[in-house]
Structure formats: structure tokens, C-alpha cells
Amino acid sequence: GPLLKSVELVDRYKGKQMQFIQQKKLGFEPHQVVAITTIAAENTTQIDALMQGCQALSTVSGVCRAQTFPGKEASVRTLSLSSNSENGTELLSNRVTSGFEKVLGINLLAGTTLPQKSPTDTIVHVLLNKTAVDFLGSTPDDIIGKKVECNLGDNAYVCGVTEDFNAKSLHKAVGAYAFHDAKTEDRRFLLVKMNTTNLPETMRQIEHVFQQSLPQSAFEYTFLD
């Protein structure tokens, strides 16, 4: 009857909706990316050993340290046109290391990734997404090398621009987002991009590296997808 027909239509609609959500471009590639918790590391030597050990695995294609990752809470700052500007917009920010764009599969529209920073370097390097650049009334090419007001100190400059990506949810509009290398937040995670046909075996290898590098820590991880 009519009721059955409407149930069928709802089911078909739900199926189409799921298909749409799966096909909708996230702007990043979560497949085979794992976030490993490193907050219990005793020193940077342990984290360096973990990074190098993971990079040495043939089934690992990229590694970076990160404060957070898409789908998880980020720090909230304000992006302004100038230091005395009243009109700012909310800026989600994430302290990461270079190579994050390869791990997350985020395309650069202009500029470069974060440099390998020396301990004496006082410049803060920032990568803004396209939405942030649009808010500033600039273009990806023009904003490279420009100073940016985003609560990351007086020495923050744009080194690159990324494509927009969904950092929160497909039900929310993309907002302004920044990756940076300021010494502000803890980088709690090691993000590892794998390229493997045997995920359980690769995860066992990563766990072995983790136990060797951070012997006092529990192996805790989340898959981004």
C-alpha cells in the first residue's frame, strides 16, 4: 500500500544520502591513516625514535606529529585583517610538523609545507586554508610571505595555502583553518599514513616500534576513517 511505498522511498533516500556522504569530497584522505597517542613520551628522543622507526617501515608512506586531526577538536583562535581590526573570524588551528599534507592527503594551492625548523628560529610559519585566505580578501599566490594576525605572535607569516577540507562534519560549512609550527600547544599524536594490503600486520610492526621507542607507554591509536 501507500505506507509501504513511502517506507521504500525513505529507505532509498537514506541509501542515496549515505552514498552522497561517502562520495562527498572530504578534502583530505583518511584511508589507512592512524593517529597514535604520544603524550606519555618521556622526551623528544623517544618520539624521534618512534618517527624514524615508523618511517623505516616499507608499508609506511608518511609520518608527522600533530596536535589534532580532522574530526577531532582543534584550538580556536581569531583571524583578523590587521592587529587593530575589530572584525575577526573564528580560526581553527593545529600545530603540526612538516609533511602533514602528505600524511593527510591535503593539496597545497600555493607556497610550501612547514620547513624543518631550527630551535633558534623565531618565525612562526602558517598554512591557511582557502576559506581563511578568502576572508582576508587575498588570493593563495598573493598571501605567501605575508604577515598574518591570528594570535600566534607578531612573527607569524604565511608559507602556504591548502585546499579546504572538512575538519568537523559534513553537516557544517568549512571554516577558516590553519596549520602552524608555533610552540603553543602539545603535539599529542603521531599521524602515520600506511600503504599496505595487510593492515593488521603493519599495525603489529608499528606497535613493535612503539614498544621499543616508548617502553613505559601504552599503545593507543585511532584510525582517521
N, C-alpha and C. Protein backbone atom coordinates (compact mmCIF):
# COMPACT_ATOMS: atom_id res chain seq x y z
N GLY A 1 0.83 -1.21 0.00
CA GLY A 1 0.00 0.00 0.00
C GLY A 1 0.86 1.25 0.00
N PRO A 2 0.19 2.41 0.15
CA PRO A 2 0.91 3.70 0.15
C PRO A 2 1.97 3.78 1.24
N LEU A 3 1.65 3.20 2.43
CA LEU A 3 2.60 3.27 3.56
C LEU A 3 3.89 2.54 3.21
N LEU A 4 3.73 1.33 2.64
CA LEU A 4 4.89 0.54 2.25
C LEU A 4 5.74 1.30 1.23
N LYS A 5 5.03 1.95 0.29
CA LYS A 5 5.75 2.72 -0.75
C LYS A 5 6.59 3.83 -0.12
N SER A 6 5.98 4.53 0.86
CA SER A 6 6.70 5.65 1.49
C SER A 6 7.91 5.13 2.27
N VAL A 7 7.77 3.95 2.91
CA VAL A 7 8.90 3.34 3.62
C VAL A 7 10.02 3.02 2.64
N GLU A 8 9.63 2.46 1.49
CA GLU A 8 10.63 2.14 0.45
C GLU A 8 11.34 3.40 -0.02
N LEU A 9 10.57 4.47 -0.20
CA LEU A 9 11.16 5.75 -0.65
C LEU A 9 12.13 6.28 0.37
N VAL A 10 11.74 6.21 1.66
CA VAL A 10 12.63 6.70 2.74
C VAL A 10 13.92 5.89 2.73
N ASP A 11 13.79 4.54 2.61
CA ASP A 11 14.98 3.69 2.58
C ASP A 11 15.88 4.04 1.40
N ARG A 12 15.23 4.25 0.24
CA ARG A 12 16.00 4.58 -0.95
C ARG A 12 16.70 5.94 -0.76
N TYR A 13 15.99 6.90 -0.14
CA TYR A 13 16.56 8.22 0.11
C TYR A 13 17.75 8.11 1.06
N LYS A 14 17.57 7.30 2.13
CA LYS A 14 18.66 7.12 3.11
C LYS A 14 19.88 6.52 2.43
N GLY A 15 19.63 5.53 1.56
CA GLY A 15 20.73 4.91 0.82
C GLY A 15 21.46 5.91 -0.04
N LYS A 16 20.69 6.76 -0.72
CA LYS A 16 21.28 7.80 -1.58
C LYS A 16 22.07 8.80 -0.74
N GLN A 17 21.51 9.13 0.44
CA GLN A 17 22.16 10.09 1.33
C GLN A 17 23.52 9.55 1.80
N MET A 18 23.55 8.27 2.17
CA MET A 18 24.80 7.65 2.61
C MET A 18 25.82 7.65 1.47
N GLN A 19 25.33 7.34 0.27
CA GLN A 19 26.19 7.34 -0.92
C GLN A 19 26.78 8.73 -1.13
N PHE A 20 25.92 9.74 -0.96
CA PHE A 20 26.36 11.13 -1.13
C PHE A 20 27.45 11.47 -0.11
N ILE A 21 27.21 11.08 1.15
CA ILE A 21 28.18 11.40 2.21
C ILE A 21 29.51 10.70 1.94
N GLN A 22 29.46 9.46 1.48
CA GLN A 22 30.68 8.72 1.20
C GLN A 22 31.43 9.32 0.00
N GLN A 23 30.66 9.79 -0.97
CA GLN A 23 31.28 10.30 -2.20
C GLN A 23 31.72 11.76 -2.07
N LYS A 24 31.10 12.48 -1.15
CA LYS A 24 31.42 13.90 -1.00
C LYS A 24 32.89 14.05 -0.66
N LYS A 25 33.56 14.89 -1.37
CA LYS A 25 35.00 15.06 -1.17
C LYS A 25 35.28 15.69 0.18
N LEU A 26 36.01 14.98 1.02
CA LEU A 26 36.36 15.50 2.34
C LEU A 26 37.43 16.58 2.24
N GLY A 27 38.21 16.52 1.15
CA GLY A 27 39.33 17.47 1.03
C GLY A 27 40.59 16.94 1.69
N PHE A 28 40.46 15.76 2.34
CA PHE A 28 41.64 15.07 2.85
C PHE A 28 41.37 13.58 2.70
N GLU A 29 42.41 12.76 2.89
CA GLU A 29 42.27 11.32 2.63
C GLU A 29 42.54 10.53 3.91
N PRO A 30 41.47 10.12 4.62
CA PRO A 30 41.68 9.45 5.92
C PRO A 30 42.05 7.97 5.81
N HIS A 31 41.95 7.40 4.60
CA HIS A 31 42.17 5.96 4.42
C HIS A 31 43.57 5.54 4.85
N GLN A 32 43.65 4.54 5.72
CA GLN A 32 44.91 3.98 6.23
C GLN A 32 45.79 5.02 6.92
N VAL A 33 45.16 5.99 7.59
CA VAL A 33 45.92 6.92 8.44
C VAL A 33 45.57 6.62 9.89
N VAL A 34 46.58 6.44 10.71
CA VAL A 34 46.36 6.14 12.12
C VAL A 34 46.99 7.23 12.98
N ALA A 35 46.26 7.64 14.03
CA ALA A 35 46.76 8.64 15.00
C ALA A 35 47.17 7.90 16.27
N ILE A 36 48.46 7.93 16.56
CA ILE A 36 49.00 7.23 17.73
C ILE A 36 49.25 8.24 18.84
N THR A 37 48.75 7.96 20.03
CA THR A 37 48.91 8.88 21.16
C THR A 37 50.35 8.82 21.68
N THR A 38 51.00 10.00 21.75
CA THR A 38 52.40 10.05 22.22
C THR A 38 52.57 10.95 23.45
N ILE A 39 51.45 11.33 24.06
CA ILE A 39 51.51 12.31 25.17
C ILE A 39 52.32 11.77 26.36
N ALA A 40 52.43 10.44 26.48
CA ALA A 40 53.15 9.86 27.63
C ALA A 40 54.65 9.69 27.36
N ALA A 41 55.12 10.14 26.20
CA ALA A 41 56.56 10.04 25.89
C ALA A 41 57.35 10.83 26.93
N GLU A 42 58.49 10.30 27.34
CA GLU A 42 59.28 10.93 28.39
C GLU A 42 60.14 12.08 27.86
N ASN A 43 60.47 12.04 26.58
CA ASN A 43 61.30 13.09 25.99
C ASN A 43 61.19 13.03 24.46
N THR A 44 61.78 14.03 23.80
CA THR A 44 61.69 14.09 22.33
C THR A 44 62.54 13.00 21.68
N THR A 45 63.55 12.49 22.40
CA THR A 45 64.36 11.40 21.86
C THR A 45 63.49 10.18 21.58
N GLN A 46 62.57 9.90 22.50
CA GLN A 46 61.65 8.76 22.30
C GLN A 46 60.75 8.98 21.08
N ILE A 47 60.24 10.20 20.95
CA ILE A 47 59.35 10.49 19.82
C ILE A 47 60.12 10.44 18.50
N ASP A 48 61.35 10.95 18.50
CA ASP A 48 62.20 10.88 17.30
C ASP A 48 62.44 9.43 16.90
N ALA A 49 62.70 8.57 17.89
CA ALA A 49 62.93 7.14 17.62
C ALA A 49 61.68 6.50 17.04
N LEU A 50 60.53 6.88 17.57
CA LEU A 50 59.25 6.36 17.07
C LEU A 50 59.02 6.79 15.63
N MET A 51 59.26 8.08 15.35
CA MET A 51 59.08 8.60 13.98
C MET A 51 60.00 7.89 13.00
N GLN A 52 61.28 7.78 13.38
CA GLN A 52 62.26 7.16 12.48
C GLN A 52 61.95 5.67 12.27
N GLY A 53 61.53 5.01 13.34
CA GLY A 53 61.18 3.59 13.25
C GLY A 53 59.99 3.35 12.34
N CYS A 54 58.99 4.22 12.43
CA CYS A 54 57.81 4.10 11.57
C CYS A 54 58.17 4.41 10.11
N GLN A 55 58.97 5.46 9.91
CA GLN A 55 59.37 5.86 8.55
C GLN A 55 60.17 4.76 7.86
N ALA A 56 60.88 3.96 8.65
CA ALA A 56 61.72 2.90 8.09
C ALA A 56 60.89 1.71 7.59
N LEU A 57 59.62 1.62 7.98
CA LEU A 57 58.77 0.51 7.53
C LEU A 57 58.38 0.71 6.07
N SER A 58 58.50 -0.34 5.27
CA SER A 58 58.22 -0.22 3.82
C SER A 58 56.74 0.06 3.54
N THR A 59 55.87 -0.27 4.50
CA THR A 59 54.43 -0.07 4.30
C THR A 59 53.94 1.28 4.83
N VAL A 60 54.87 2.11 5.28
CA VAL A 60 54.52 3.46 5.78
C VAL A 60 54.98 4.49 4.75
N SER A 61 54.05 5.35 4.32
CA SER A 61 54.41 6.33 3.28
C SER A 61 54.57 7.75 3.80
N GLY A 62 54.20 8.00 5.07
CA GLY A 62 54.37 9.34 5.62
C GLY A 62 54.11 9.37 7.12
N VAL A 63 54.84 10.27 7.81
CA VAL A 63 54.71 10.40 9.26
C VAL A 63 54.81 11.88 9.63
N CYS A 64 53.98 12.33 10.56
CA CYS A 64 54.14 13.69 11.11
C CYS A 64 53.61 13.72 12.54
N ARG A 65 54.05 14.73 13.26
CA ARG A 65 53.50 14.96 14.61
C ARG A 65 52.38 15.98 14.49
N ALA A 66 51.37 15.87 15.34
CA ALA A 66 50.23 16.78 15.25
C ALA A 66 49.55 16.96 16.61
N GLN A 67 49.04 18.17 16.79
CA GLN A 67 48.24 18.47 17.98
C GLN A 67 46.88 17.78 17.90
N THR A 68 46.32 17.75 16.69
CA THR A 68 45.00 17.17 16.48
C THR A 68 44.88 16.73 15.02
N PHE A 69 43.68 16.33 14.60
CA PHE A 69 43.48 15.90 13.22
C PHE A 69 42.02 16.12 12.84
N PRO A 70 41.68 16.15 11.54
CA PRO A 70 40.30 16.40 11.14
C PRO A 70 39.32 15.44 11.81
N GLY A 71 38.24 16.00 12.33
CA GLY A 71 37.26 15.20 13.05
C GLY A 71 37.43 15.28 14.56
N LYS A 72 38.56 15.81 15.02
CA LYS A 72 38.83 15.98 16.45
C LYS A 72 38.98 17.47 16.75
N GLU A 73 38.71 17.85 18.00
CA GLU A 73 38.75 19.26 18.39
C GLU A 73 40.11 19.90 18.09
N ALA A 74 40.05 21.14 17.61
CA ALA A 74 41.27 21.92 17.37
C ALA A 74 41.25 23.16 18.26
N SER A 75 42.37 23.88 18.34
CA SER A 75 42.39 25.14 19.09
C SER A 75 41.62 26.21 18.31
N VAL A 76 40.99 27.12 19.05
CA VAL A 76 40.23 28.19 18.40
C VAL A 76 40.96 29.51 18.60
N ARG A 77 41.31 30.15 17.50
CA ARG A 77 41.94 31.48 17.53
C ARG A 77 41.08 32.44 16.73
N THR A 78 41.55 33.69 16.61
CA THR A 78 40.82 34.67 15.81
C THR A 78 41.72 35.14 14.67
N LEU A 79 41.20 35.07 13.47
CA LEU A 79 41.92 35.55 12.28
C LEU A 79 41.42 36.96 11.98
N SER A 80 42.34 37.93 11.93
CA SER A 80 41.96 39.33 11.72
C SER A 80 42.68 39.91 10.51
N LEU A 81 42.08 40.97 9.96
CA LEU A 81 42.69 41.64 8.81
C LEU A 81 43.92 42.43 9.24
N SER A 82 43.90 42.98 10.47
CA SER A 82 45.06 43.70 11.00
C SER A 82 45.02 43.62 12.52
N SER A 83 46.12 44.02 13.17
CA SER A 83 46.22 43.87 14.63
C SER A 83 45.17 44.70 15.37
N ASN A 84 44.72 45.81 14.76
CA ASN A 84 43.72 46.64 15.45
C ASN A 84 42.31 46.45 14.87
N SER A 85 42.17 45.37 14.08
CA SER A 85 40.87 45.12 13.44
C SER A 85 39.84 44.61 14.44
N GLU A 86 38.63 45.16 14.36
CA GLU A 86 37.53 44.69 15.22
C GLU A 86 36.89 43.44 14.62
N ASN A 87 36.98 43.32 13.31
CA ASN A 87 36.26 42.24 12.62
C ASN A 87 37.16 41.04 12.36
N GLY A 88 37.04 40.06 13.23
CA GLY A 88 37.80 38.83 13.04
C GLY A 88 36.86 37.67 12.76
N THR A 89 37.43 36.53 12.40
CA THR A 89 36.62 35.32 12.21
C THR A 89 37.27 34.18 12.99
N GLU A 90 36.47 33.20 13.36
CA GLU A 90 36.99 32.05 14.11
C GLU A 90 37.96 31.26 13.23
N LEU A 91 39.11 30.94 13.79
CA LEU A 91 40.13 30.18 13.08
C LEU A 91 40.48 28.93 13.89
N LEU A 92 40.23 27.76 13.34
CA LEU A 92 40.68 26.53 13.99
C LEU A 92 42.15 26.36 13.65
N SER A 93 42.96 25.95 14.64
CA SER A 93 44.40 25.84 14.37
C SER A 93 44.95 24.53 14.91
N ASN A 94 46.03 24.08 14.28
CA ASN A 94 46.60 22.77 14.56
C ASN A 94 48.11 22.85 14.42
N ARG A 95 48.83 22.61 15.52
CA ARG A 95 50.30 22.63 15.49
C ARG A 95 50.79 21.28 14.96
N VAL A 96 51.54 21.32 13.87
CA VAL A 96 51.99 20.08 13.21
C VAL A 96 53.46 20.20 12.81
N THR A 97 54.00 19.11 12.28
CA THR A 97 55.35 19.14 11.71
C THR A 97 55.24 19.02 10.19
N SER A 98 56.34 19.28 9.51
CA SER A 98 56.33 19.26 8.05
C SER A 98 55.93 17.88 7.52
N GLY A 99 55.34 17.88 6.34
CA GLY A 99 54.90 16.62 5.74
C GLY A 99 53.49 16.22 6.11
N PHE A 100 52.82 17.06 6.94
CA PHE A 100 51.45 16.73 7.37
C PHE A 100 50.51 16.59 6.17
N GLU A 101 50.78 17.41 5.12
CA GLU A 101 49.86 17.40 3.96
C GLU A 101 49.95 16.08 3.19
N LYS A 102 51.13 15.44 3.22
CA LYS A 102 51.27 14.13 2.56
C LYS A 102 50.55 13.06 3.37
N VAL A 103 50.68 13.15 4.69
CA VAL A 103 50.02 12.17 5.57
C VAL A 103 48.50 12.25 5.44
N LEU A 104 47.98 13.48 5.42
CA LEU A 104 46.53 13.68 5.39
C LEU A 104 45.95 13.77 3.98
N GLY A 105 46.83 13.82 2.98
CA GLY A 105 46.34 13.90 1.61
C GLY A 105 45.64 15.21 1.31
N ILE A 106 46.18 16.31 1.85
CA ILE A 106 45.61 17.64 1.62
C ILE A 106 46.44 18.34 0.54
N ASN A 107 45.78 18.87 -0.46
CA ASN A 107 46.50 19.54 -1.56
C ASN A 107 46.91 20.96 -1.19
N LEU A 108 48.12 21.33 -1.61
CA LEU A 108 48.58 22.71 -1.46
C LEU A 108 48.19 23.48 -2.72
N LEU A 109 47.61 24.66 -2.53
CA LEU A 109 47.24 25.53 -3.67
C LEU A 109 48.37 26.49 -4.01
N ALA A 110 49.19 26.81 -3.01
CA ALA A 110 50.31 27.75 -3.23
C ALA A 110 51.32 27.59 -2.10
N GLY A 111 52.54 28.02 -2.35
CA GLY A 111 53.56 28.01 -1.31
C GLY A 111 54.11 26.62 -1.02
N THR A 112 54.57 26.46 0.22
CA THR A 112 55.24 25.21 0.61
C THR A 112 54.68 24.71 1.94
N THR A 113 55.07 23.48 2.29
CA THR A 113 54.74 22.94 3.60
C THR A 113 55.59 23.64 4.67
N LEU A 114 55.43 23.26 5.92
CA LEU A 114 56.23 23.84 7.00
C LEU A 114 57.70 23.42 6.83
N PRO A 115 58.63 24.33 7.07
CA PRO A 115 60.05 23.95 6.94
C PRO A 115 60.49 23.11 8.13
N GLN A 116 61.63 22.46 8.00
CA GLN A 116 62.25 21.80 9.16
C GLN A 116 62.81 22.94 10.00
N LYS A 117 62.22 23.16 11.17
CA LYS A 117 62.53 24.37 11.94
C LYS A 117 63.71 24.15 12.90
N SER A 118 64.64 25.09 12.90
CA SER A 118 65.74 25.01 13.86
C SER A 118 65.27 25.59 15.20
N PRO A 119 65.86 25.12 16.31
CA PRO A 119 65.42 25.58 17.64
C PRO A 119 65.52 27.10 17.83
N THR A 120 66.42 27.75 17.07
CA THR A 120 66.62 29.19 17.24
C THR A 120 65.69 30.03 16.35
N ASP A 121 64.96 29.37 15.47
CA ASP A 121 64.09 30.09 14.53
C ASP A 121 62.88 30.66 15.28
N THR A 122 62.72 31.99 15.24
CA THR A 122 61.61 32.63 15.97
C THR A 122 60.41 32.91 15.06
N ILE A 123 60.57 32.68 13.76
CA ILE A 123 59.45 32.91 12.85
C ILE A 123 58.43 31.78 12.99
N VAL A 124 57.16 32.14 13.04
CA VAL A 124 56.08 31.15 13.05
C VAL A 124 55.57 31.00 11.61
N HIS A 125 55.64 29.79 11.10
CA HIS A 125 55.18 29.51 9.74
C HIS A 125 53.74 29.01 9.80
N VAL A 126 52.90 29.55 8.93
CA VAL A 126 51.47 29.23 8.96
C VAL A 126 51.01 28.81 7.56
N LEU A 127 50.21 27.76 7.50
CA LEU A 127 49.50 27.41 6.27
C LEU A 127 48.02 27.64 6.51
N LEU A 128 47.42 28.51 5.72
CA LEU A 128 45.98 28.80 5.84
C LEU A 128 45.22 27.99 4.80
N ASN A 129 43.95 27.68 5.11
CA ASN A 129 43.13 27.07 4.06
C ASN A 129 42.53 28.17 3.19
N LYS A 130 41.91 27.76 2.08
CA LYS A 130 41.38 28.73 1.10
C LYS A 130 40.34 29.63 1.73
N THR A 131 39.48 29.10 2.60
CA THR A 131 38.44 29.90 3.26
C THR A 131 39.06 31.04 4.07
N ALA A 132 40.17 30.76 4.78
CA ALA A 132 40.86 31.80 5.57
C ALA A 132 41.43 32.89 4.65
N VAL A 133 41.99 32.46 3.53
CA VAL A 133 42.57 33.42 2.56
C VAL A 133 41.46 34.29 1.97
N ASP A 134 40.32 33.67 1.66
CA ASP A 134 39.16 34.42 1.13
C ASP A 134 38.70 35.47 2.14
N PHE A 135 38.66 35.09 3.42
CA PHE A 135 38.25 36.03 4.47
C PHE A 135 39.18 37.25 4.50
N LEU A 136 40.47 37.01 4.28
CA LEU A 136 41.45 38.10 4.30
C LEU A 136 41.42 38.93 3.00
N GLY A 137 40.58 38.52 2.07
CA GLY A 137 40.44 39.27 0.81
C GLY A 137 41.65 39.14 -0.09
N SER A 138 42.35 38.01 0.04
CA SER A 138 43.56 37.81 -0.75
C SER A 138 43.40 36.58 -1.66
N THR A 139 44.48 36.22 -2.34
CA THR A 139 44.49 35.02 -3.17
C THR A 139 45.63 34.12 -2.67
N PRO A 140 45.57 32.82 -2.96
CA PRO A 140 46.64 31.93 -2.50
C PRO A 140 48.04 32.40 -2.89
N ASP A 141 48.21 32.86 -4.12
CA ASP A 141 49.55 33.29 -4.55
C ASP A 141 50.00 34.59 -3.87
N ASP A 142 49.06 35.52 -3.70
CA ASP A 142 49.42 36.83 -3.14
C ASP A 142 49.73 36.81 -1.65
N ILE A 143 49.16 35.84 -0.93
CA ILE A 143 49.30 35.87 0.53
C ILE A 143 50.60 35.23 1.03
N ILE A 144 51.28 34.50 0.15
CA ILE A 144 52.53 33.83 0.55
C ILE A 144 53.56 34.89 0.98
N GLY A 145 54.14 34.66 2.17
CA GLY A 145 55.16 35.58 2.68
C GLY A 145 54.60 36.75 3.46
N LYS A 146 53.27 36.88 3.49
CA LYS A 146 52.64 37.99 4.22
C LYS A 146 52.48 37.65 5.70
N LYS A 147 52.53 38.71 6.52
CA LYS A 147 52.31 38.55 7.96
C LYS A 147 50.83 38.25 8.19
N VAL A 148 50.53 37.43 9.20
CA VAL A 148 49.13 37.09 9.47
C VAL A 148 48.81 37.30 10.95
N GLU A 149 47.64 37.92 11.21
CA GLU A 149 47.19 38.18 12.58
C GLU A 149 46.25 37.06 13.00
N CYS A 150 46.76 36.13 13.83
CA CYS A 150 45.90 35.01 14.23
C CYS A 150 46.26 34.48 15.61
N ASN A 151 46.67 35.38 16.51
CA ASN A 151 47.04 35.00 17.89
C ASN A 151 48.18 33.98 17.96
N LEU A 152 49.10 34.08 17.00
CA LEU A 152 50.28 33.22 17.04
C LEU A 152 51.56 34.06 17.15
N GLY A 153 51.41 35.26 17.71
CA GLY A 153 52.56 36.13 17.92
C GLY A 153 52.75 37.12 16.78
N ASP A 154 53.75 38.01 16.96
CA ASP A 154 54.00 39.09 15.99
C ASP A 154 54.82 38.62 14.79
N ASN A 155 55.27 37.39 14.85
CA ASN A 155 56.20 36.91 13.83
C ASN A 155 55.61 35.79 12.98
N ALA A 156 54.29 35.82 12.77
CA ALA A 156 53.62 34.75 12.03
C ALA A 156 53.46 35.13 10.56
N TYR A 157 53.98 34.29 9.69
CA TYR A 157 53.94 34.54 8.25
C TYR A 157 53.34 33.34 7.52
N VAL A 158 52.63 33.62 6.43
CA VAL A 158 52.02 32.55 5.64
C VAL A 158 53.06 31.94 4.71
N CYS A 159 53.28 30.62 4.85
CA CYS A 159 54.23 29.95 3.94
C CYS A 159 53.50 29.12 2.90
N GLY A 160 52.21 28.82 3.16
CA GLY A 160 51.48 28.00 2.20
C GLY A 160 49.98 28.13 2.36
N VAL A 161 49.26 27.69 1.33
CA VAL A 161 47.79 27.69 1.35
C VAL A 161 47.31 26.29 0.96
N THR A 162 46.39 25.75 1.76
CA THR A 162 45.84 24.42 1.46
C THR A 162 44.43 24.55 0.88
N GLU A 163 44.00 23.51 0.21
CA GLU A 163 42.60 23.40 -0.21
C GLU A 163 41.74 23.34 1.05
N ASP A 164 40.48 23.69 0.92
CA ASP A 164 39.55 23.50 2.02
C ASP A 164 39.30 22.01 2.25
N PHE A 165 39.04 21.65 3.49
CA PHE A 165 38.71 20.26 3.81
C PHE A 165 37.75 20.27 4.99
N ASN A 166 37.04 19.19 5.19
CA ASN A 166 36.08 19.11 6.28
C ASN A 166 36.78 18.72 7.58
N ALA A 167 36.97 19.69 8.46
CA ALA A 167 37.67 19.45 9.71
C ALA A 167 36.71 18.98 10.80
N LYS A 168 35.42 19.29 10.65
CA LYS A 168 34.45 18.95 11.70
C LYS A 168 33.48 17.88 11.24
N SER A 169 32.56 18.25 10.35
CA SER A 169 31.49 17.36 9.95
C SER A 169 30.97 17.79 8.60
N LEU A 170 30.42 16.83 7.86
CA LEU A 170 29.87 17.16 6.54
C LEU A 170 28.63 18.03 6.65
N HIS A 171 28.04 18.09 7.87
CA HIS A 171 26.82 18.89 8.06
C HIS A 171 27.14 20.35 8.38
N LYS A 172 28.43 20.67 8.54
CA LYS A 172 28.81 22.05 8.86
C LYS A 172 29.63 22.63 7.72
N ALA A 173 29.46 23.91 7.50
CA ALA A 173 30.23 24.59 6.45
C ALA A 173 31.71 24.60 6.84
N VAL A 174 32.57 24.60 5.84
CA VAL A 174 34.02 24.66 6.09
C VAL A 174 34.35 26.04 6.63
N GLY A 175 35.12 26.10 7.70
CA GLY A 175 35.55 27.37 8.28
C GLY A 175 37.02 27.63 8.01
N ALA A 176 37.52 28.73 8.55
CA ALA A 176 38.95 29.06 8.41
C ALA A 176 39.78 28.10 9.26
N TYR A 177 40.90 27.66 8.71
CA TYR A 177 41.74 26.66 9.39
C TYR A 177 43.21 26.98 9.11
N ALA A 178 44.06 26.74 10.12
CA ALA A 178 45.50 26.99 9.98
C ALA A 178 46.32 25.84 10.55
N PHE A 179 47.34 25.44 9.82
CA PHE A 179 48.39 24.55 10.34
C PHE A 179 49.58 25.46 10.66
N HIS A 180 50.29 25.18 11.74
CA HIS A 180 51.39 26.09 12.12
C HIS A 180 52.46 25.36 12.92
N ASP A 181 53.58 26.06 13.16
CA ASP A 181 54.68 25.47 13.94
C ASP A 181 55.07 26.32 15.15
N ALA A 182 54.12 27.11 15.67
CA ALA A 182 54.40 27.89 16.89
C ALA A 182 54.49 26.93 18.08
N LYS A 183 55.33 27.31 19.07
CA LYS A 183 55.49 26.44 20.23
C LYS A 183 54.37 26.71 21.25
N THR A 184 53.14 26.47 20.82
CA THR A 184 51.99 26.81 21.67
C THR A 184 51.38 25.57 22.32
N GLU A 185 50.80 24.69 21.53
CA GLU A 185 50.14 23.51 22.08
C GLU A 185 51.03 22.27 21.99
N ASP A 186 50.67 21.24 22.78
CA ASP A 186 51.35 19.95 22.68
C ASP A 186 50.97 19.26 21.38
N ARG A 187 51.93 18.58 20.78
CA ARG A 187 51.60 17.73 19.63
C ARG A 187 51.41 16.32 20.18
N ARG A 188 50.16 16.00 20.47
CA ARG A 188 49.82 14.79 21.22
C ARG A 188 49.85 13.51 20.39
N PHE A 189 49.87 13.66 19.07
CA PHE A 189 49.72 12.49 18.20
C PHE A 189 50.85 12.35 17.19
N LEU A 190 51.13 11.10 16.85
CA LEU A 190 51.93 10.81 15.67
C LEU A 190 50.96 10.29 14.63
N LEU A 191 50.87 10.99 13.49
CA LEU A 191 49.98 10.55 12.41
C LEU A 191 50.82 9.74 11.42
N VAL A 192 50.36 8.54 11.13
CA VAL A 192 51.10 7.63 10.24
C VAL A 192 50.21 7.23 9.07
N LYS A 193 50.71 7.49 7.86
CA LYS A 193 50.00 7.10 6.64
C LYS A 193 50.59 5.79 6.14
N MET A 194 49.72 4.79 6.02
CA MET A 194 50.18 3.48 5.56
C MET A 194 49.75 3.24 4.12
N ASN A 195 50.49 2.36 3.47
CA ASN A 195 50.12 1.92 2.12
C ASN A 195 50.35 0.41 2.12
N THR A 196 49.34 -0.32 2.59
CA THR A 196 49.53 -1.74 2.85
C THR A 196 48.32 -2.56 2.42
N THR A 197 48.57 -3.79 2.04
CA THR A 197 47.48 -4.72 1.73
C THR A 197 47.19 -5.60 2.94
N ASN A 198 48.05 -5.49 3.97
CA ASN A 198 47.86 -6.27 5.19
C ASN A 198 47.94 -5.33 6.40
N LEU A 199 46.81 -4.68 6.67
CA LEU A 199 46.75 -3.68 7.74
C LEU A 199 47.10 -4.26 9.12
N PRO A 200 46.54 -5.41 9.50
CA PRO A 200 46.88 -5.97 10.83
C PRO A 200 48.38 -6.19 11.01
N GLU A 201 49.06 -6.68 9.95
CA GLU A 201 50.50 -6.94 10.04
C GLU A 201 51.27 -5.63 10.18
N THR A 202 50.89 -4.60 9.40
CA THR A 202 51.56 -3.30 9.50
C THR A 202 51.35 -2.70 10.89
N MET A 203 50.13 -2.82 11.43
CA MET A 203 49.86 -2.30 12.78
C MET A 203 50.69 -3.04 13.82
N ARG A 204 50.91 -4.34 13.62
CA ARG A 204 51.77 -5.11 14.55
C ARG A 204 53.20 -4.57 14.50
N GLN A 205 53.67 -4.26 13.28
CA GLN A 205 55.04 -3.72 13.13
C GLN A 205 55.15 -2.35 13.81
N ILE A 206 54.11 -1.51 13.62
CA ILE A 206 54.12 -0.18 14.25
C ILE A 206 54.09 -0.31 15.77
N GLU A 207 53.30 -1.25 16.26
CA GLU A 207 53.23 -1.47 17.72
C GLU A 207 54.59 -1.91 18.26
N HIS A 208 55.29 -2.74 17.52
CA HIS A 208 56.62 -3.20 17.93
C HIS A 208 57.58 -2.01 18.02
N VAL A 209 57.56 -1.14 17.01
CA VAL A 209 58.39 0.07 17.02
C VAL A 209 58.03 0.94 18.22
N PHE A 210 56.73 1.09 18.47
CA PHE A 210 56.25 1.91 19.59
C PHE A 210 56.78 1.37 20.92
N GLN A 211 56.66 0.05 21.11
CA GLN A 211 57.09 -0.55 22.38
C GLN A 211 58.60 -0.42 22.60
N GLN A 212 59.35 -0.43 21.49
CA GLN A 212 60.81 -0.22 21.60
C GLN A 212 61.15 1.23 21.92
N SER A 213 60.38 2.15 21.32
CA SER A 213 60.68 3.59 21.45
C SER A 213 60.13 4.20 22.74
N LEU A 214 58.91 3.81 23.11
CA LEU A 214 58.24 4.34 24.31
C LEU A 214 57.87 3.17 25.23
N PRO A 215 58.88 2.52 25.84
CA PRO A 215 58.62 1.29 26.60
C PRO A 215 57.66 1.45 27.78
N GLN A 216 57.56 2.66 28.33
CA GLN A 216 56.70 2.88 29.50
C GLN A 216 55.25 3.25 29.12
N SER A 217 54.99 3.44 27.82
CA SER A 217 53.68 3.96 27.39
C SER A 217 52.79 2.85 26.82
N ALA A 218 51.48 3.07 26.98
CA ALA A 218 50.51 2.14 26.38
C ALA A 218 50.30 2.52 24.91
N PHE A 219 50.14 1.51 24.07
CA PHE A 219 49.95 1.73 22.64
C PHE A 219 48.46 2.02 22.39
N GLU A 220 48.15 3.31 22.22
CA GLU A 220 46.77 3.72 21.98
C GLU A 220 46.69 4.44 20.64
N TYR A 221 45.68 4.08 19.84
CA TYR A 221 45.60 4.67 18.50
C TYR A 221 44.15 4.78 18.02
N THR A 222 43.95 5.62 17.02
CA THR A 222 42.64 5.81 16.38
C THR A 222 42.86 5.84 14.87
N PHE A 223 42.00 5.16 14.13
CA PHE A 223 42.04 5.28 12.68
C PHE A 223 41.19 6.47 12.26
N LEU A 224 41.74 7.30 11.37
CA LEU A 224 41.03 8.52 10.97
C LEU A 224 39.76 8.23 10.20
N ASP A 225 39.69 7.09 9.51
CA ASP A 225 38.46 6.81 8.75
C ASP A 225 37.45 6.02 9.56
